[in-house]
C-alpha atoms as a PDB file:
ATOM      1  CA  MET A   1      90.333 -36.556  64.772  1.00  0.00           C
ATOM      2  CA  LYS A   2      92.388 -35.011  62.068  1.00  0.00           C
ATOM      3  CA  THR A   3      90.457 -33.586  58.923  1.00  0.00           C
ATOM      4  CA  THR A   4      90.676 -30.865  56.742  1.00  0.00           C
ATOM      5  CA  ILE A   5      87.872 -28.498  56.119  1.00  0.00           C
ATOM      6  CA  GLN A   6      88.333 -25.036  53.452  1.00  0.00           C
ATOM      7  CA  ILE A   7      87.659 -21.554  54.789  1.00  0.00           C
ATOM      8  CA  ASN A   8      88.966 -18.668  52.629  1.00  0.00           C
ATOM      9  CA  GLY A   9      89.355 -21.287  49.664  1.00  0.00           C
ATOM     10  CA  LYS A  10      92.872 -22.801  51.387  1.00  0.00           C
ATOM     11  CA  ASP A  11      92.366 -26.182  52.963  1.00  0.00           C
ATOM     12  CA  VAL A  12      93.154 -25.897  56.573  1.00  0.00           C
ATOM     13  CA  GLU A  13      94.095 -29.420  58.846  1.00  0.00           C
ATOM     14  CA  ILE A  14      92.632 -29.544  62.373  1.00  0.00           C
ATOM     15  CA  GLU A  15      91.532 -31.515  64.914  1.00  0.00           C
ATOM     16  CA  LEU A  16      88.024 -32.844  66.320  1.00  0.00           C
ATOM     17  CA  THR A  17      86.867 -34.337  69.278  1.00  0.00           C
ATOM     18  CA  PRO A  18      84.747 -37.605  69.583  1.00  0.00           C
ATOM     19  CA  GLU A  19      82.633 -35.475  70.710  1.00  0.00           C
ATOM     20  CA  GLN A  20      82.741 -32.981  67.901  1.00  0.00           C
ATOM     21  CA  VAL A  21      82.581 -35.660  65.281  1.00  0.00           C
ATOM     22  CA  ALA A  22      79.319 -36.993  66.946  1.00  0.00           C
ATOM     23  CA  ALA A  23      77.147 -33.291  67.268  1.00  0.00           C
ATOM     24  CA  ILE A  24      79.260 -32.342  62.952  1.00  0.00           C
ATOM     25  CA  GLN A  25      77.260 -36.427  61.977  1.00  0.00           C
ATOM     26  CA  ALA A  26      74.210 -35.304  64.731  1.00  0.00           C
ATOM     27  CA  LYS A  27      74.085 -32.196  62.452  1.00  0.00           C
ATOM     28  CA  THR A  28      74.496 -33.604  59.173  1.00  0.00           C
ATOM     29  CA  GLU A  29      72.596 -36.412  59.298  1.00  0.00           C
ATOM     30  CA  THR A  30      69.350 -37.398  57.309  1.00  0.00           C
ATOM     31  CA  LYS A  31      66.516 -38.430  58.660  1.00  0.00           C
ATOM     32  CA  THR A  32      64.095 -40.669  56.770  1.00  0.00           C
ATOM     33  CA  LEU A  33      61.098 -42.494  58.043  1.00  0.00           C
ATOM     34  CA  TRP A  34      61.651 -45.568  59.477  1.00  0.00           C
ATOM     35  CA  LYS A  35      60.203 -49.281  58.203  1.00  0.00           C
ATOM     36  CA  PRO A  36      60.669 -51.730  58.738  1.00  0.00           C
ATOM     37  CA  LYS A  37      62.955 -54.100  56.592  1.00  0.00           C
ATOM     38  CA  GLU A  38      62.639 -57.779  55.882  1.00  0.00           C
ATOM     39  CA  VAL A  39      62.578 -60.439  59.117  1.00  0.00           C
ATOM     40  CA  GLU A  40      63.155 -56.862  61.571  1.00  0.00           C
ATOM     41  CA  ARG A  41      60.939 -56.783  64.510  1.00  0.00           C
ATOM     42  CA  TYR A  42      58.432 -54.367  64.447  1.00  0.00           C
ATOM     43  CA  TYR A  43      55.483 -53.259  66.640  1.00  0.00           C
ATOM     44  CA  TYR A  44      51.817 -52.800  66.261  1.00  0.00           C
ATOM     45  CA  LEU A  45      48.662 -51.895  67.825  1.00  0.00           C
ATOM     46  CA  GLU A  46      46.239 -54.379  66.837  1.00  0.00           C
ATOM     47  CA  ALA A  47      42.296 -54.768  66.243  1.00  0.00           C
ATOM     48  CA  GLU A  48      41.649 -55.458  69.888  1.00  0.00           C
ATOM     49  CA  GLY A  49      43.604 -53.176  71.530  1.00  0.00           C
ATOM     50  CA  GLY A  50      46.834 -54.313  72.240  1.00  0.00           C
ATOM     51  CA  ILE A  51      50.571 -53.812  71.882  1.00  0.00           C
ATOM     52  CA  GLU A  52      51.432 -56.820  69.718  1.00  0.00           C
ATOM     53  CA  ASP A  53      55.632 -57.653  67.871  1.00  0.00           C
ATOM     54  CA  THR A  54      56.822 -59.644  65.370  1.00  0.00           C
ATOM     55  CA  LEU A  55      60.424 -59.826  62.423  1.00  0.00           C
ATOM     56  CA  PHE A  56      58.698 -58.025  59.263  1.00  0.00           C
ATOM     57  CA  VAL A  57      58.078 -60.074  55.844  1.00  0.00           C
ATOM     58  CA  TYR A  58      57.705 -58.267  52.546  1.00  0.00           C
ATOM     59  CA  GLY A  59      55.136 -61.031  51.163  1.00  0.00           C
ATOM     60  CA  ASN A  60      53.111 -61.002  54.091  1.00  0.00           C
ATOM     61  CA  ILE A  61      50.002 -59.557  53.528  1.00  0.00           C
ATOM     62  CA  SER A  62      49.266 -57.855  57.096  1.00  0.00           C
ATOM     63  CA  ASP A  63      52.605 -56.635  57.546  1.00  0.00           C
ATOM     64  CA  ASN A  64      51.938 -54.959  53.974  1.00  0.00           C
ATOM     65  CA  ARG A  65      49.254 -53.535  55.084  1.00  0.00           C
ATOM     66  CA  ARG A  66      50.173 -52.241  58.522  1.00  0.00           C
ATOM     67  CA  ARG A  67      53.117 -50.503  57.563  1.00  0.00           C
ATOM     68  CA  SER A  68      50.632 -49.223  54.203  1.00  0.00           C
ATOM     69  CA  ILE A  69      48.951 -47.325  57.434  1.00  0.00           C
ATOM     70  CA  GLY A  70      51.408 -46.586  59.122  1.00  0.00           C
ATOM     71  CA  ASN A  71      51.302 -49.134  62.039  1.00  0.00           C
ATOM     72  CA  CYS A  72      54.171 -50.143  62.271  1.00  0.00           C
ATOM     73  CA  TYR A  73      56.658 -49.161  65.028  1.00  0.00           C
ATOM     74  CA  GLN A  74      60.824 -49.540  66.271  1.00  0.00           C
ATOM     75  CA  THR A  75      59.643 -49.905  70.093  1.00  0.00           C
ATOM     76  CA  ARG A  76      57.178 -50.804  72.063  1.00  0.00           C
ATOM     77  CA  GLU A  77      57.271 -47.243  73.712  1.00  0.00           C
ATOM     78  CA  GLU A  78      56.689 -45.944  70.387  1.00  0.00           C
ATOM     79  CA  ALA A  79      53.680 -47.772  69.699  1.00  0.00           C
ATOM     80  CA  GLN A  80      52.380 -47.090  73.861  1.00  0.00           C
ATOM     81  CA  LYS A  81      52.619 -43.876  72.983  1.00  0.00           C
ATOM     82  CA  VAL A  82      50.496 -43.975  69.978  1.00  0.00           C
ATOM     83  CA  TYR A  83      47.745 -45.830  71.590  1.00  0.00           C
ATOM     84  CA  ASP A  84      47.668 -43.201  74.759  1.00  0.00           C
ATOM     85  CA  HIS A  85      46.933 -41.277  71.474  1.00  0.00           C
ATOM     86  CA  LYS A  86      45.095 -43.075  70.160  1.00  0.00           C
ATOM     87  CA  ILE A  87      42.623 -43.253  73.255  1.00  0.00           C
ATOM     88  CA  ALA A  88      42.319 -39.844  74.491  1.00  0.00           C
ATOM     89  CA  GLU A  89      41.289 -38.799  70.426  1.00  0.00           C
ATOM     90  CA  GLN A  90      38.639 -40.985  70.755  1.00  0.00           C
ATOM     91  CA  LYS A  91      37.629 -39.853  74.323  1.00  0.00           C
ATOM     92  CA  LEU A  92      37.716 -35.934  73.428  1.00  0.00           C
ATOM     93  CA  LYS A  93      36.236 -37.147  69.719  1.00  0.00           C
ATOM     94  CA  GLU A  94      32.752 -37.727  71.747  1.00  0.00           C
ATOM     95  CA  ILE A  95      33.290 -35.528  74.410  1.00  0.00           C
ATOM     96  CA  ILE A  96      32.781 -32.790  71.237  1.00  0.00           C
ATOM     97  CA  PHE A  97      30.610 -35.006  69.541  1.00  0.00           C
ATOM     98  CA  GLU A  98      28.065 -35.155  72.294  1.00  0.00           C
ATOM     99  CA  ALA A  99      28.805 -31.202  73.492  1.00  0.00           C
ATOM    100  CA  ASN A 100      27.469 -30.060  69.651  1.00  0.00           C
ATOM    101  CA  ASP A 101      24.462 -31.273  70.154  1.00  0.00           C
ATOM    102  CA  GLY A 102      24.247 -33.104  66.054  1.00  0.00           C
ATOM    103  CA  TRP A 103      26.092 -29.967  65.245  1.00  0.00           C
ATOM    104  CA  THR A 104      28.509 -30.153  62.582  1.00  0.00           C
ATOM    105  CA  PRO A 105      31.073 -27.360  61.247  1.00  0.00           C
ATOM    106  CA  ASP A 106      28.945 -25.309  57.463  1.00  0.00           C
ATOM    107  CA  TRP A 107      31.612 -24.721  56.261  1.00  0.00           C
ATOM    108  CA  ASN A 108      30.479 -21.429  53.786  1.00  0.00           C
ATOM    109  CA  SER A 109      28.323 -20.909  56.502  1.00  0.00           C
ATOM    110  CA  GLY A 110      30.226 -17.668  56.951  1.00  0.00           C
ATOM    111  CA  LYS A 111      29.473 -18.434  61.022  1.00  0.00           C
ATOM    112  CA  LEU A 112      32.706 -18.835  63.757  1.00  0.00           C
ATOM    113  CA  LYS A 113      33.986 -22.309  64.856  1.00  0.00           C
ATOM    114  CA  TYR A 114      35.368 -23.012  67.251  1.00  0.00           C
ATOM    115  CA  MET A 115      38.363 -25.310  67.954  1.00  0.00           C
ATOM    116  CA  PHE A 116      41.644 -25.587  70.425  1.00  0.00           C
ATOM    117  CA  TYR A 117      44.828 -25.341  69.423  1.00  0.00           C
ATOM    118  CA  TYR A 118      48.727 -26.195  70.843  1.00  0.00           C
ATOM    119  CA  ASP A 119      51.140 -22.878  71.168  1.00  0.00           C
ATOM    120  CA  THR A 120      54.624 -24.322  71.488  1.00  0.00           C
ATOM    121  CA  ALA A 121      55.961 -21.296  72.794  1.00  0.00           C
ATOM    122  CA  SER A 122      53.424 -21.153  76.377  1.00  0.00           C
ATOM    123  CA  ARG A 123      53.321 -25.209  75.955  1.00  0.00           C
ATOM    124  CA  LYS A 124      49.574 -24.573  76.744  1.00  0.00           C
ATOM    125  CA  VAL A 125      46.399 -25.481  74.782  1.00  0.00           C
ATOM    126  CA  TYR A 126      44.015 -22.160  73.704  1.00  0.00           C
ATOM    127  CA  ILE A 127      40.575 -21.997  72.501  1.00  0.00           C
ATOM    128  CA  SER A 128      40.712 -20.370  69.002  1.00  0.00           C
ATOM    129  CA  ASN A 129      38.091 -20.180  65.923  1.00  0.00           C
ATOM    130  CA  CYS A 130      37.832 -19.524  62.014  1.00  0.00           C
ATOM    131  CA  TYR A 131      35.471 -18.946  59.627  1.00  0.00           C
ATOM    132  CA  GLN A 132      36.299 -20.732  56.077  1.00  0.00           C
ATOM    133  CA  PHE A 133      39.304 -21.635  57.100  1.00  0.00           C
ATOM    134  CA  ARG A 134      39.445 -25.954  57.751  1.00  0.00           C
ATOM    135  CA  HIS A 135      42.432 -26.679  60.152  1.00  0.00           C
ATOM    136  CA  TYR A 136      41.248 -30.303  61.475  1.00  0.00           C
ATOM    137  CA  PRO A 137      39.007 -32.353  60.555  1.00  0.00           C
ATOM    138  CA  ASN A 138      35.176 -31.954  61.133  1.00  0.00           C
ATOM    139  CA  TRP A 139      34.945 -33.483  64.356  1.00  0.00           C
ATOM    140  CA  MET A 140      37.045 -31.262  66.551  1.00  0.00           C
ATOM    141  CA  TYR A 141      34.994 -28.517  65.959  1.00  0.00           C
ATOM    142  CA  ILE A 142      32.989 -27.031  68.538  1.00  0.00           C
ATOM    143  CA  LYS A 143      29.762 -24.445  67.969  1.00  0.00           C
ATOM    144  CA  ASP A 144      29.647 -21.481  70.165  1.00  0.00           C
ATOM    145  CA  ARG A 145      32.421 -20.544  72.847  1.00  0.00           C
ATOM    146  CA  LYS A 146      30.496 -21.154  74.969  1.00  0.00           C
ATOM    147  CA  THR A 147      30.259 -24.861  74.532  1.00  0.00           C
ATOM    148  CA  ALA A 148      34.331 -24.636  73.980  1.00  0.00           C
ATOM    149  CA  GLY A 149      34.916 -23.046  76.815  1.00  0.00           C
ATOM    150  CA  LYS A 150      32.982 -25.606  79.057  1.00  0.00           C
ATOM    151  CA  ILE A 151      34.923 -28.887  77.683  1.00  0.00           C
ATOM    152  CA  TYR A 152      38.318 -26.381  78.024  1.00  0.00           C
ATOM    153  CA  HIS A 153      38.163 -26.821  81.486  1.00  0.00           C
ATOM    154  CA  LYS A 154      36.639 -29.386  82.482  1.00  0.00           C
ATOM    155  CA  HIS A 155      38.819 -31.493  80.113  1.00  0.00           C
ATOM    156  CA  TYR A 156      42.028 -29.824  79.375  1.00  0.00           C
ATOM    157  CA  ASP A 157      44.326 -32.494  80.698  1.00  0.00           C
ATOM    158  CA  LEU A 158      42.255 -34.679  77.602  1.00  0.00           C
ATOM    159  CA  LEU A 159      43.707 -31.370  75.229  1.00  0.00           C
ATOM    160  CA  MET A 160      46.978 -31.695  76.299  1.00  0.00           C
ATOM    161  CA  GLN A 161      47.157 -35.251  75.550  1.00  0.00           C
ATOM    162  CA  VAL A 162      45.737 -34.470  71.902  1.00  0.00           C
ATOM    163  CA  TYR A 163      46.932 -31.480  70.559  1.00  0.00           C
ATOM    164  CA  GLY A 164      49.979 -30.892  73.220  1.00  0.00           C
ATOM    165  CA  ARG A 165      51.890 -34.124  72.351  1.00  0.00           C
ATOM    166  CA  ASP A 166      55.634 -34.367  70.755  1.00  0.00           C
ATOM    167  CA  ASN A 167      54.764 -35.574  67.774  1.00  0.00           C
END
């Protein structure tokens, strides 16, 4: 494909291969959040825990509610990833709740709270702590280092599912 570009104020005609055109288009395309259009098929997580598909209809209350809470997925695979993450997150929530034995973070106490985080460079989950900066929902904080360590060693794979997933 021949095209003209401007270099130092001068028009220069160049020849681009199809691969180069595709690479330029990929770098310059605008990323948007996918939302189903009228009569477009989408997938959603149903209340009983399955994945269903249907056609989006603007006037349909259920379709509009699913879209408003982000429960519309372009592919079954995307819906399955979200479903699997929700299952893992609920398991972790229950583990932390039981391990905390009734403890909840008091953000005005000045006491350490423990949590996990995913380091994208090492691709691992680590234990961290904070006093007052709330990074996550309250259920994700742990009462002490010893309890965090037990959860970390016993449920590392689950932590990777929750914290290490692609967003």
